Amino acid sequence: MDQAKMKIVYQISERGGSKYWNRVGVAFVNADGSLNVKLESVPVSGEMQIRDYVPREEGASATPRRAESNGRSAFAKSA
């Protein structure tokens, strides 16, 4: 699979004024630019964001992802 076409799907939820990012699936870019999304769990609230895939070896410093809320920052853990 071409990693440039692979995306990660996160569900963003807010609890106690902090935002948490949970990995819930993957997405793949089709030839026409549309996306196929495969969810491993179904979020029932919050919002979802689709981001470029970064291999753990290259992106170790990029994870965990940072979310800002009310001037405080929270670090989300991706599963």
PDB file of N, CA and C in Angstrom:
ATOM      1  N   MET A   1       0.846  -1.183   0.000  1.00  0.00           N
ATOM      2  CA  MET A   1       0.000   0.000   0.000  1.00  0.00           C
ATOM      3  C   MET A   1       0.884   1.237   0.000  1.00  0.00           C
ATOM      4  N   ASP A   2       0.578   2.185  -0.859  1.00  0.00           N
ATOM      5  CA  ASP A   2       1.301   3.446  -0.930  1.00  0.00           C
ATOM      6  C   ASP A   2       0.976   4.273   0.316  1.00  0.00           C
ATOM      7  N   GLN A   3       1.983   4.525   1.159  1.00  0.00           N
ATOM      8  CA  GLN A   3       1.747   5.245   2.409  1.00  0.00           C
ATOM      9  C   GLN A   3       1.257   6.666   2.190  1.00  0.00           C
ATOM     10  N   ALA A   4       1.540   7.251   1.025  1.00  0.00           N
ATOM     11  CA  ALA A   4       1.070   8.599   0.737  1.00  0.00           C
ATOM     12  C   ALA A   4      -0.451   8.638   0.623  1.00  0.00           C
ATOM     13  N   LYS A   5      -1.065   7.503   0.316  1.00  0.00           N
ATOM     14  CA  LYS A   5      -2.519   7.437   0.182  1.00  0.00           C
ATOM     15  C   LYS A   5      -3.217   7.021   1.472  1.00  0.00           C
ATOM     16  N   MET A   6      -2.442   6.665   2.486  1.00  0.00           N
ATOM     17  CA  MET A   6      -3.024   6.184   3.735  1.00  0.00           C
ATOM     18  C   MET A   6      -3.193   7.323   4.729  1.00  0.00           C
ATOM     19  N   LYS A   7      -4.315   7.333   5.423  1.00  0.00           N
ATOM     20  CA  LYS A   7      -4.637   8.339   6.437  1.00  0.00           C
ATOM     21  C   LYS A   7      -5.050   7.623   7.720  1.00  0.00           C
ATOM     22  N   ILE A   8      -4.985   8.318   8.835  1.00  0.00           N
ATOM     23  CA  ILE A   8      -5.439   7.792  10.113  1.00  0.00           C
ATOM     24  C   ILE A   8      -6.667   8.598  10.532  1.00  0.00           C
ATOM     25  N   VAL A   9      -7.682   7.897  11.050  1.00  0.00           N
ATOM     26  CA  VAL A   9      -8.919   8.542  11.493  1.00  0.00           C
ATOM     27  C   VAL A   9      -8.903   8.613  13.017  1.00  0.00           C
ATOM     28  N   TYR A  10      -9.068   9.828  13.548  1.00  0.00           N
ATOM     29  CA  TYR A  10      -9.123  10.050  14.992  1.00  0.00           C
ATOM     30  C   TYR A  10     -10.503  10.565  15.373  1.00  0.00           C
ATOM     31  N   GLN A  11     -10.972  10.157  16.533  1.00  0.00           N
ATOM     32  CA  GLN A  11     -12.185  10.710  17.122  1.00  0.00           C
ATOM     33  C   GLN A  11     -11.718  11.648  18.220  1.00  0.00           C
ATOM     34  N   ILE A  12     -12.195  12.880  18.195  1.00  0.00           N
ATOM     35  CA  ILE A  12     -11.783  13.881  19.173  1.00  0.00           C
ATOM     36  C   ILE A  12     -12.942  14.101  20.130  1.00  0.00           C
ATOM     37  N   SER A  13     -12.697  13.847  21.403  1.00  0.00           N
ATOM     38  CA  SER A  13     -13.736  14.063  22.409  1.00  0.00           C
ATOM     39  C   SER A  13     -13.206  15.037  23.453  1.00  0.00           C
ATOM     40  N   GLU A  14     -14.123  15.699  24.126  1.00  0.00           N
ATOM     41  CA  GLU A  14     -13.744  16.670  25.140  1.00  0.00           C
ATOM     42  C   GLU A  14     -14.310  16.238  26.486  1.00  0.00           C
ATOM     43  N   ARG A  15     -13.431  16.205  27.482  1.00  0.00           N
ATOM     44  CA  ARG A  15     -13.845  15.860  28.847  1.00  0.00           C
ATOM     45  C   ARG A  15     -13.099  16.778  29.804  1.00  0.00           C
ATOM     46  N   GLY A  16     -13.836  17.415  30.674  1.00  0.00           N
ATOM     47  CA  GLY A  16     -13.210  18.269  31.680  1.00  0.00           C
ATOM     48  C   GLY A  16     -12.381  19.397  31.111  1.00  0.00           C
ATOM     49  N   GLY A  17     -12.766  19.934  29.983  1.00  0.00           N
ATOM     50  CA  GLY A  17     -12.050  21.042  29.361  1.00  0.00           C
ATOM     51  C   GLY A  17     -10.831  20.635  28.555  1.00  0.00           C
ATOM     52  N   SER A  18     -10.544  19.344  28.463  1.00  0.00           N
ATOM     53  CA  SER A  18      -9.410  18.856  27.669  1.00  0.00           C
ATOM     54  C   SER A  18      -9.917  18.042  26.494  1.00  0.00           C
ATOM     55  N   LYS A  19      -9.152  18.048  25.420  1.00  0.00           N
ATOM     56  CA  LYS A  19      -9.508  17.261  24.242  1.00  0.00           C
ATOM     57  C   LYS A  19      -8.635  16.026  24.174  1.00  0.00           C
ATOM     58  N   TYR A  20      -9.246  14.898  23.811  1.00  0.00           N
ATOM     59  CA  TYR A  20      -8.546  13.627  23.695  1.00  0.00           C
ATOM     60  C   TYR A  20      -8.723  13.069  22.296  1.00  0.00           C
ATOM     61  N   TRP A  21      -7.626  12.609  21.702  1.00  0.00           N
ATOM     62  CA  TRP A  21      -7.644  12.041  20.363  1.00  0.00           C
ATOM     63  C   TRP A  21      -7.513  10.536  20.485  1.00  0.00           C
ATOM     64  N   ASN A  22      -8.462   9.813  19.926  1.00  0.00           N
ATOM     65  CA  ASN A  22      -8.424   8.355  19.931  1.00  0.00           C
ATOM     66  C   ASN A  22      -8.459   7.852  18.498  1.00  0.00           C
ATOM     67  N   ARG A  23      -7.525   6.993  18.166  1.00  0.00           N
ATOM     68  CA  ARG A  23      -7.488   6.421  16.821  1.00  0.00           C
ATOM     69  C   ARG A  23      -8.642   5.433  16.682  1.00  0.00           C
ATOM     70  N   VAL A  24      -9.458   5.633  15.645  1.00  0.00           N
ATOM     71  CA  VAL A  24     -10.626   4.768  15.455  1.00  0.00           C
ATOM     72  C   VAL A  24     -10.643   4.066  14.100  1.00  0.00           C
ATOM     73  N   GLY A  25      -9.660   4.338  13.235  1.00  0.00           N
ATOM     74  CA  GLY A  25      -9.644   3.667  11.951  1.00  0.00           C
ATOM     75  C   GLY A  25      -8.629   4.247  10.988  1.00  0.00           C
ATOM     76  N   VAL A  26      -8.774   3.841   9.730  1.00  0.00           N
ATOM     77  CA  VAL A  26      -7.887   4.300   8.668  1.00  0.00           C
ATOM     78  C   VAL A  26      -8.723   4.756   7.479  1.00  0.00           C
ATOM     79  N   ALA A  27      -8.092   5.529   6.610  1.00  0.00           N
ATOM     80  CA  ALA A  27      -8.746   5.976   5.379  1.00  0.00           C
ATOM     81  C   ALA A  27      -7.730   5.866   4.249  1.00  0.00           C
ATOM     82  N   PHE A  28      -8.227   5.653   3.052  1.00  0.00           N
ATOM     83  CA  PHE A  28      -7.375   5.510   1.875  1.00  0.00           C
ATOM     84  C   PHE A  28      -7.882   6.426   0.780  1.00  0.00           C
ATOM     85  N   VAL A  29      -6.952   7.133   0.128  1.00  0.00           N
ATOM     86  CA  VAL A  29      -7.308   8.057  -0.949  1.00  0.00           C
ATOM     87  C   VAL A  29      -7.427   7.277  -2.250  1.00  0.00           C
ATOM     88  N   ASN A  30      -8.565   7.444  -2.931  1.00  0.00           N
ATOM     89  CA  ASN A  30      -8.805   6.805  -4.227  1.00  0.00           C
ATOM     90  C   ASN A  30      -8.206   7.640  -5.356  1.00  0.00           C
ATOM     91  N   ALA A  31      -8.158   7.076  -6.537  1.00  0.00           N
ATOM     92  CA  ALA A  31      -7.593   7.758  -7.705  1.00  0.00           C
ATOM     93  C   ALA A  31      -8.299   9.080  -8.009  1.00  0.00           C
ATOM     94  N   ASP A  32      -9.600   9.162  -7.701  1.00  0.00           N
ATOM     95  CA  ASP A  32     -10.355  10.389  -7.979  1.00  0.00           C
ATOM     96  C   ASP A  32     -10.330  11.382  -6.811  1.00  0.00           C
ATOM     97  N   GLY A  33      -9.540  11.089  -5.768  1.00  0.00           N
ATOM     98  CA  GLY A  33      -9.425  11.993  -4.625  1.00  0.00           C
ATOM     99  C   GLY A  33     -10.417  11.733  -3.507  1.00  0.00           C
ATOM    100  N   SER A  34     -11.386  10.852  -3.737  1.00  0.00           N
ATOM    101  CA  SER A  34     -12.336  10.512  -2.679  1.00  0.00           C
ATOM    102  C   SER A  34     -11.657   9.594  -1.662  1.00  0.00           C
ATOM    103  N   LEU A  35     -12.316   9.347  -0.541  1.00  0.00           N
ATOM    104  CA  LEU A  35     -11.740   8.532   0.530  1.00  0.00           C
ATOM    105  C   LEU A  35     -12.595   7.310   0.814  1.00  0.00           C
ATOM    106  N   ASN A  36     -11.940   6.201   1.093  1.00  0.00           N
ATOM    107  CA  ASN A  36     -12.589   5.028   1.683  1.00  0.00           C
ATOM    108  C   ASN A  36     -12.168   5.028   3.142  1.00  0.00           C
ATOM    109  N   VAL A  37     -13.125   4.922   4.064  1.00  0.00           N
ATOM    110  CA  VAL A  37     -12.850   4.958   5.491  1.00  0.00           C
ATOM    111  C   VAL A  37     -13.235   3.619   6.097  1.00  0.00           C
ATOM    112  N   LYS A  38     -12.300   3.034   6.860  1.00  0.00           N
ATOM    113  CA  LYS A  38     -12.555   1.771   7.557  1.00  0.00           C
ATOM    114  C   LYS A  38     -12.416   2.031   9.044  1.00  0.00           C
ATOM    115  N   LEU A  39     -13.556   2.006   9.749  1.00  0.00           N
ATOM    116  CA  LEU A  39     -13.551   2.270  11.182  1.00  0.00           C
ATOM    117  C   LEU A  39     -13.423   0.981  11.964  1.00  0.00           C
ATOM    118  N   GLU A  40     -12.623   1.018  13.034  1.00  0.00           N
ATOM    119  CA  GLU A  40     -12.470  -0.109  13.939  1.00  0.00           C
ATOM    120  C   GLU A  40     -13.421   0.011  15.115  1.00  0.00           C
ATOM    121  N   SER A  41     -13.911   1.203  15.352  1.00  0.00           N
ATOM    122  CA  SER A  41     -14.931   1.452  16.366  1.00  0.00           C
ATOM    123  C   SER A  41     -15.815   2.579  15.860  1.00  0.00           C
ATOM    124  N   VAL A  42     -16.983   2.689  16.436  1.00  0.00           N
ATOM    125  CA  VAL A  42     -17.943   3.692  15.978  1.00  0.00           C
ATOM    126  C   VAL A  42     -18.063   4.784  17.036  1.00  0.00           C
ATOM    127  N   PRO A  43     -17.574   5.987  16.743  1.00  0.00           N
ATOM    128  CA  PRO A  43     -17.720   7.087  17.698  1.00  0.00           C
ATOM    129  C   PRO A  43     -19.180   7.497  17.822  1.00  0.00           C
ATOM    130  N   VAL A  44     -19.624   7.739  19.042  1.00  0.00           N
ATOM    131  CA  VAL A  44     -21.018   8.134  19.240  1.00  0.00           C
ATOM    132  C   VAL A  44     -21.149   9.615  19.558  1.00  0.00           C
ATOM    133  N   SER A  45     -20.032  10.284  19.795  1.00  0.00           N
ATOM    134  CA  SER A  45     -20.064  11.719  20.032  1.00  0.00           C
ATOM    135  C   SER A  45     -18.719  12.322  19.647  1.00  0.00           C
ATOM    136  N   GLY A  46     -18.651  13.635  19.695  1.00  0.00           N
ATOM    137  CA  GLY A  46     -17.406  14.311  19.355  1.00  0.00           C
ATOM    138  C   GLY A  46     -17.292  14.538  17.861  1.00  0.00           C
ATOM    139  N   GLU A  47     -16.082  14.721  17.404  1.00  0.00           N
ATOM    140  CA  GLU A  47     -15.825  14.938  15.986  1.00  0.00           C
ATOM    141  C   GLU A  47     -14.732  13.984  15.540  1.00  0.00           C
ATOM    142  N   MET A  48     -14.607  13.810  14.236  1.00  0.00           N
ATOM    143  CA  MET A  48     -13.546  12.966  13.698  1.00  0.00           C
ATOM    144  C   MET A  48     -12.645  13.820  12.823  1.00  0.00           C
ATOM    145  N   GLN A  49     -11.368  13.445  12.789  1.00  0.00           N
ATOM    146  CA  GLN A  49     -10.413  14.118  11.925  1.00  0.00           C
ATOM    147  C   GLN A  49      -9.590  13.057  11.209  1.00  0.00           C
ATOM    148  N   ILE A  50      -9.326  13.307   9.934  1.00  0.00           N
ATOM    149  CA  ILE A  50      -8.521  12.394   9.134  1.00  0.00           C
ATOM    150  C   ILE A  50      -7.201  13.086   8.849  1.00  0.00           C
ATOM    151  N   ARG A  51      -6.086  12.419   9.239  1.00  0.00           N
ATOM    152  CA  ARG A  51      -4.747  12.985   9.083  1.00  0.00           C
ATOM    153  C   ARG A  51      -3.863  12.054   8.286  1.00  0.00           C
ATOM    154  N   ASP A  52      -2.817  12.605   7.685  1.00  0.00           N
ATOM    155  CA  ASP A  52      -1.842  11.796   6.961  1.00  0.00           C
ATOM    156  C   ASP A  52      -1.211  10.767   7.900  1.00  0.00           C
ATOM    157  N   TYR A  53      -0.933   9.596   7.370  1.00  0.00           N
ATOM    158  CA  TYR A  53      -0.258   8.546   8.111  1.00  0.00           C
ATOM    159  C   TYR A  53       1.216   8.896   8.262  1.00  0.00           C
ATOM    160  N   VAL A  54       1.738   8.774   9.470  1.00  0.00           N
ATOM    161  CA  VAL A  54       3.159   8.976   9.738  1.00  0.00           C
ATOM    162  C   VAL A  54       3.655   7.706  10.417  1.00  0.00           C
ATOM    163  N   PRO A  55       4.565   6.970   9.781  1.00  0.00           N
ATOM    164  CA  PRO A  55       5.082   5.751  10.418  1.00  0.00           C
ATOM    165  C   PRO A  55       5.690   6.072  11.779  1.00  0.00           C
ATOM    166  N   ARG A  56       5.543   5.174  12.733  1.00  0.00           N
ATOM    167  CA  ARG A  56       6.033   5.406  14.099  1.00  0.00           C
ATOM    168  C   ARG A  56       7.526   5.708  14.132  1.00  0.00           C
ATOM    169  N   GLU A  57       8.337   5.063  13.287  1.00  0.00           N
ATOM    170  CA  GLU A  57       9.773   5.303  13.285  1.00  0.00           C
ATOM    171  C   GLU A  57      10.089   6.760  12.933  1.00  0.00           C
ATOM    172  N   GLU A  58       9.399   7.279  11.929  1.00  0.00           N
ATOM    173  CA  GLU A  58       9.632   8.653  11.489  1.00  0.00           C
ATOM    174  C   GLU A  58       8.887   9.657  12.351  1.00  0.00           C
ATOM    175  N   GLY A  59       7.726   9.276  12.839  1.00  0.00           N
ATOM    176  CA  GLY A  59       6.856  10.223  13.534  1.00  0.00           C
ATOM    177  C   GLY A  59       6.865  10.093  15.033  1.00  0.00           C
ATOM    178  N   ALA A  60       7.881   9.461  15.611  1.00  0.00           N
ATOM    179  CA  ALA A  60       7.909   9.271  17.060  1.00  0.00           C
ATOM    180  C   ALA A  60       7.792  10.595  17.802  1.00  0.00           C
ATOM    181  N   SER A  61       8.397  11.649  17.278  1.00  0.00           N
ATOM    182  CA  SER A  61       8.312  12.946  17.945  1.00  0.00           C
ATOM    183  C   SER A  61       6.984  13.637  17.671  1.00  0.00           C
ATOM    184  N   ALA A  62       6.258  13.200  16.644  1.00  0.00           N
ATOM    185  CA  ALA A  62       4.982  13.825  16.301  1.00  0.00           C
ATOM    186  C   ALA A  62       3.833  13.245  17.105  1.00  0.00           C
ATOM    187  N   THR A  63       4.021  12.110  17.741  1.00  0.00           N
ATOM    188  CA  THR A  63       2.967  11.536  18.562  1.00  0.00           C
ATOM    189  C   THR A  63       3.431  11.540  20.004  1.00  0.00           C
ATOM    190  N   PRO A  64       2.629  11.803  20.977  1.00  0.00           N
ATOM    191  CA  PRO A  64       1.197  11.985  20.837  1.00  0.00           C
ATOM    192  C   PRO A  64       0.839  13.336  20.217  1.00  0.00           C
ATOM    193  N   ARG A  65      -0.333  13.400  19.671  1.00  0.00           N
ATOM    194  CA  ARG A  65      -0.810  14.631  19.047  1.00  0.00           C
ATOM    195  C   ARG A  65      -1.237  15.599  20.141  1.00  0.00           C
ATOM    196  N   ARG A  66      -1.082  16.881  19.853  1.00  0.00           N
ATOM    197  CA  ARG A  66      -1.402  17.894  20.843  1.00  0.00           C
ATOM    198  C   ARG A  66      -2.712  18.569  20.486  1.00  0.00           C
ATOM    199  N   ALA A  67      -3.571  18.742  21.481  1.00  0.00           N
ATOM    200  CA  ALA A  67      -4.839  19.447  21.292  1.00  0.00           C
ATOM    201  C   ALA A  67      -4.887  20.599  22.284  1.00  0.00           C
ATOM    202  N   GLU A  68      -5.333  21.761  21.858  1.00  0.00           N
ATOM    203  CA  GLU A  68      -5.415  22.933  22.719  1.00  0.00           C
ATOM    204  C   GLU A  68      -6.857  23.140  23.154  1.00  0.00           C
ATOM    205  N   SER A  69      -7.041  23.501  24.412  1.00  0.00           N
ATOM    206  CA  SER A  69      -8.376  23.780  24.924  1.00  0.00           C
ATOM    207  C   SER A  69      -8.258  24.731  26.106  1.00  0.00           C
ATOM    208  N   ASN A  70      -8.941  25.866  26.059  1.00  0.00           N
ATOM    209  CA  ASN A  70      -8.969  26.835  27.153  1.00  0.00           C
ATOM    210  C   ASN A  70      -7.572  27.240  27.625  1.00  0.00           C
ATOM    211  N   GLY A  71      -6.628  27.382  26.694  1.00  0.00           N
ATOM    212  CA  GLY A  71      -5.296  27.782  27.046  1.00  0.00           C
ATOM    213  C   GLY A  71      -4.433  26.680  27.627  1.00  0.00           C
ATOM    214  N   ARG A  72      -5.025  25.513  27.868  1.00  0.00           N
ATOM    215  CA  ARG A  72      -4.253  24.384  28.380  1.00  0.00           C
ATOM    216  C   ARG A  72      -4.041  23.411  27.239  1.00  0.00           C
ATOM    217  N   SER A  73      -3.005  22.645  27.326  1.00  0.00           N
ATOM    218  CA  SER A  73      -2.785  21.640  26.292  1.00  0.00           C
ATOM    219  C   SER A  73      -2.935  20.266  26.893  1.00  0.00           C
ATOM    220  N   ALA A  74      -3.465  19.362  26.105  1.00  0.00           N
ATOM    221  CA  ALA A  74      -3.627  17.971  26.521  1.00  0.00           C
ATOM    222  C   ALA A  74      -2.992  17.105  25.458  1.00  0.00           C
ATOM    223  N   PHE A  75      -2.358  16.038  25.873  1.00  0.00           N
ATOM    224  CA  PHE A  75      -1.741  15.139  24.922  1.00  0.00           C
ATOM    225  C   PHE A  75      -2.603  13.906  24.796  1.00  0.00           C
ATOM    226  N   ALA A  76      -2.910  13.555  23.588  1.00  0.00           N
ATOM    227  CA  ALA A  76      -3.763  12.397  23.323  1.00  0.00           C
ATOM    228  C   ALA A  76      -2.900  11.188  23.039  1.00  0.00           C
ATOM    229  N   LYS A  77      -3.394  10.078  23.403  1.00  0.00           N
ATOM    230  CA  LYS A  77      -2.698   8.825  23.122  1.00  0.00           C
ATOM    231  C   LYS A  77      -3.384   8.134  21.975  1.00  0.00           C
ATOM    232  N   SER A  78      -2.620   7.727  20.982  1.00  0.00           N
ATOM    233  CA  SER A  78      -3.195   6.966  19.882  1.00  0.00           C
ATOM    234  C   SER A  78      -2.979   5.487  20.149  1.00  0.00           C
ATOM    235  N   ALA A  79      -3.999   4.713  19.880  1.00  0.00           N
ATOM    236  CA  ALA A  79      -3.909   3.268  20.133  1.00  0.00           C
ATOM    237  C   ALA A  79      -3.339   2.547  18.959  1.00  0.00           C
TER     238      ALA A  79
END
